[in-house]
N, C-alpha and C. Protein backbone atom coordinates (compact mmCIF):
# COMPACT_ATOMS: atom_id res chain seq x y z
N MET A 1 9.34 16.47 8.79
CA MET A 1 8.42 15.37 9.02
C MET A 1 7.29 15.80 9.96
N VAL A 2 7.62 16.57 10.97
CA VAL A 2 6.61 17.01 11.94
C VAL A 2 5.54 17.83 11.25
N HIS A 3 5.94 18.69 10.33
CA HIS A 3 4.96 19.54 9.65
C HIS A 3 4.05 18.70 8.76
N PHE A 4 4.61 17.66 8.13
CA PHE A 4 3.79 16.77 7.31
C PHE A 4 2.70 16.11 8.15
N TYR A 5 3.10 15.57 9.30
CA TYR A 5 2.12 14.93 10.18
C TYR A 5 1.06 15.92 10.64
N ARG A 6 1.48 17.11 11.00
CA ARG A 6 0.54 18.13 11.45
C ARG A 6 -0.47 18.45 10.35
N ASN A 7 0.02 18.58 9.11
CA ASN A 7 -0.87 18.87 8.00
C ASN A 7 -1.85 17.73 7.74
N VAL A 8 -1.36 16.51 7.82
CA VAL A 8 -2.25 15.35 7.62
C VAL A 8 -3.32 15.32 8.71
N PHE A 9 -2.89 15.46 9.96
CA PHE A 9 -3.83 15.38 11.08
C PHE A 9 -4.86 16.50 11.03
N SER A 10 -4.53 17.62 10.44
CA SER A 10 -5.49 18.72 10.37
C SER A 10 -6.65 18.41 9.42
N HIS A 11 -6.48 17.39 8.56
CA HIS A 11 -7.52 17.02 7.60
C HIS A 11 -8.26 15.74 7.98
N VAL A 12 -7.93 15.17 9.13
CA VAL A 12 -8.52 13.90 9.56
C VAL A 12 -9.56 14.16 10.65
N ARG A 13 -10.68 13.46 10.54
CA ARG A 13 -11.71 13.57 11.58
C ARG A 13 -11.18 13.03 12.90
N ALA A 14 -11.66 13.58 13.98
CA ALA A 14 -11.18 13.20 15.32
C ALA A 14 -11.35 11.70 15.57
N GLY A 15 -12.41 11.11 15.07
CA GLY A 15 -12.67 9.70 15.29
C GLY A 15 -11.69 8.78 14.58
N LYS A 16 -11.03 9.28 13.55
CA LYS A 16 -10.08 8.48 12.76
C LYS A 16 -8.63 8.85 13.03
N LEU A 17 -8.40 9.77 13.94
CA LEU A 17 -7.05 10.28 14.19
C LEU A 17 -6.10 9.18 14.64
N ARG A 18 -6.53 8.34 15.57
CA ARG A 18 -5.67 7.27 16.06
C ARG A 18 -5.31 6.28 14.95
N GLU A 19 -6.30 5.92 14.14
CA GLU A 19 -6.07 4.97 13.05
C GLU A 19 -5.07 5.52 12.04
N VAL A 20 -5.21 6.78 11.67
CA VAL A 20 -4.31 7.41 10.72
C VAL A 20 -2.90 7.51 11.31
N ALA A 21 -2.82 7.83 12.58
CA ALA A 21 -1.51 7.92 13.24
C ALA A 21 -0.79 6.57 13.21
N LEU A 22 -1.52 5.50 13.45
CA LEU A 22 -0.92 4.17 13.42
C LEU A 22 -0.47 3.79 12.01
N LEU A 23 -1.25 4.17 11.00
CA LEU A 23 -0.87 3.89 9.62
C LEU A 23 0.40 4.65 9.24
N LEU A 24 0.47 5.92 9.61
CA LEU A 24 1.66 6.71 9.31
C LEU A 24 2.89 6.15 10.03
N LYS A 25 2.69 5.70 11.25
CA LYS A 25 3.80 5.11 12.02
C LYS A 25 4.31 3.84 11.33
N ALA A 26 3.40 3.02 10.82
CA ALA A 26 3.79 1.78 10.13
C ALA A 26 4.54 2.10 8.85
N ILE A 27 4.09 3.09 8.10
CA ILE A 27 4.77 3.48 6.86
C ILE A 27 6.17 3.98 7.17
N HIS A 28 6.29 4.80 8.18
CA HIS A 28 7.59 5.35 8.56
C HIS A 28 8.54 4.23 9.01
N ALA A 29 8.03 3.25 9.73
CA ALA A 29 8.85 2.12 10.18
C ALA A 29 9.35 1.31 8.99
N GLN A 30 8.52 1.13 7.97
CA GLN A 30 8.94 0.39 6.78
C GLN A 30 10.06 1.12 6.06
N GLU A 31 9.96 2.44 5.98
CA GLU A 31 11.01 3.22 5.33
C GLU A 31 12.34 3.04 6.05
N LYS A 32 12.30 3.02 7.39
CA LYS A 32 13.52 2.83 8.16
C LYS A 32 14.14 1.46 7.88
N ILE A 33 13.31 0.45 7.78
CA ILE A 33 13.80 -0.91 7.52
C ILE A 33 14.46 -0.97 6.15
N TRP A 34 13.84 -0.39 5.13
CA TRP A 34 14.41 -0.41 3.79
C TRP A 34 15.75 0.32 3.76
N LYS A 35 15.84 1.44 4.46
CA LYS A 35 17.11 2.18 4.51
C LYS A 35 18.19 1.34 5.19
N ARG A 36 17.82 0.67 6.29
CA ARG A 36 18.78 -0.15 7.03
C ARG A 36 19.28 -1.30 6.16
N LEU A 37 18.41 -1.87 5.33
CA LEU A 37 18.80 -2.98 4.47
C LEU A 37 19.56 -2.50 3.24
N GLY A 38 19.49 -1.23 2.96
CA GLY A 38 20.16 -0.70 1.78
C GLY A 38 19.47 -1.08 0.50
N ALA A 39 18.20 -1.33 0.57
CA ALA A 39 17.43 -1.74 -0.60
C ALA A 39 16.21 -0.84 -0.75
N ARG A 40 15.59 -0.98 -1.91
CA ARG A 40 14.35 -0.24 -2.15
C ARG A 40 13.23 -1.25 -2.38
N PRO A 41 12.03 -0.92 -1.95
CA PRO A 41 10.91 -1.85 -2.17
C PRO A 41 10.57 -1.93 -3.66
N ALA A 42 10.00 -3.05 -4.04
CA ALA A 42 9.56 -3.22 -5.43
C ALA A 42 8.42 -2.25 -5.72
N ARG A 43 8.35 -1.80 -6.94
CA ARG A 43 7.26 -0.88 -7.31
C ARG A 43 5.94 -1.62 -7.31
N SER A 44 4.95 -0.99 -6.80
CA SER A 44 3.62 -1.55 -6.78
C SER A 44 2.96 -1.34 -8.13
N SER A 45 2.12 -2.26 -8.53
CA SER A 45 1.39 -2.07 -9.78
C SER A 45 0.42 -0.91 -9.66
N LEU A 46 0.05 -0.53 -8.45
CA LEU A 46 -0.85 0.60 -8.25
C LEU A 46 -0.17 1.93 -8.55
N SER A 47 1.15 1.98 -8.42
CA SER A 47 1.86 3.24 -8.62
C SER A 47 2.32 3.43 -10.08
N SER A 48 2.12 2.43 -10.92
CA SER A 48 2.56 2.57 -12.31
C SER A 48 1.59 3.45 -13.08
N THR A 49 2.11 4.14 -14.05
CA THR A 49 1.28 5.05 -14.85
C THR A 49 1.17 4.54 -16.28
N ALA A 50 0.90 3.26 -16.45
CA ALA A 50 0.83 2.63 -17.77
C ALA A 50 -0.47 2.93 -18.45
C-alpha cells in the first residue's frame, strides 16, 4: 500500500497533494468499513463495460 501511495503522489502537483491524500484516505476508510461489514459495495454504473 505504501508503494502505491508513493507512486500516486509522485504524479500529483504539489498544490493538489493534500486534496489527493484526503481522497485516498476516504477510499481506504470505505474499504475497511465494507470488510468489517462482510459485504461488498454495489457496482457503479460507471464501472460497467456494457
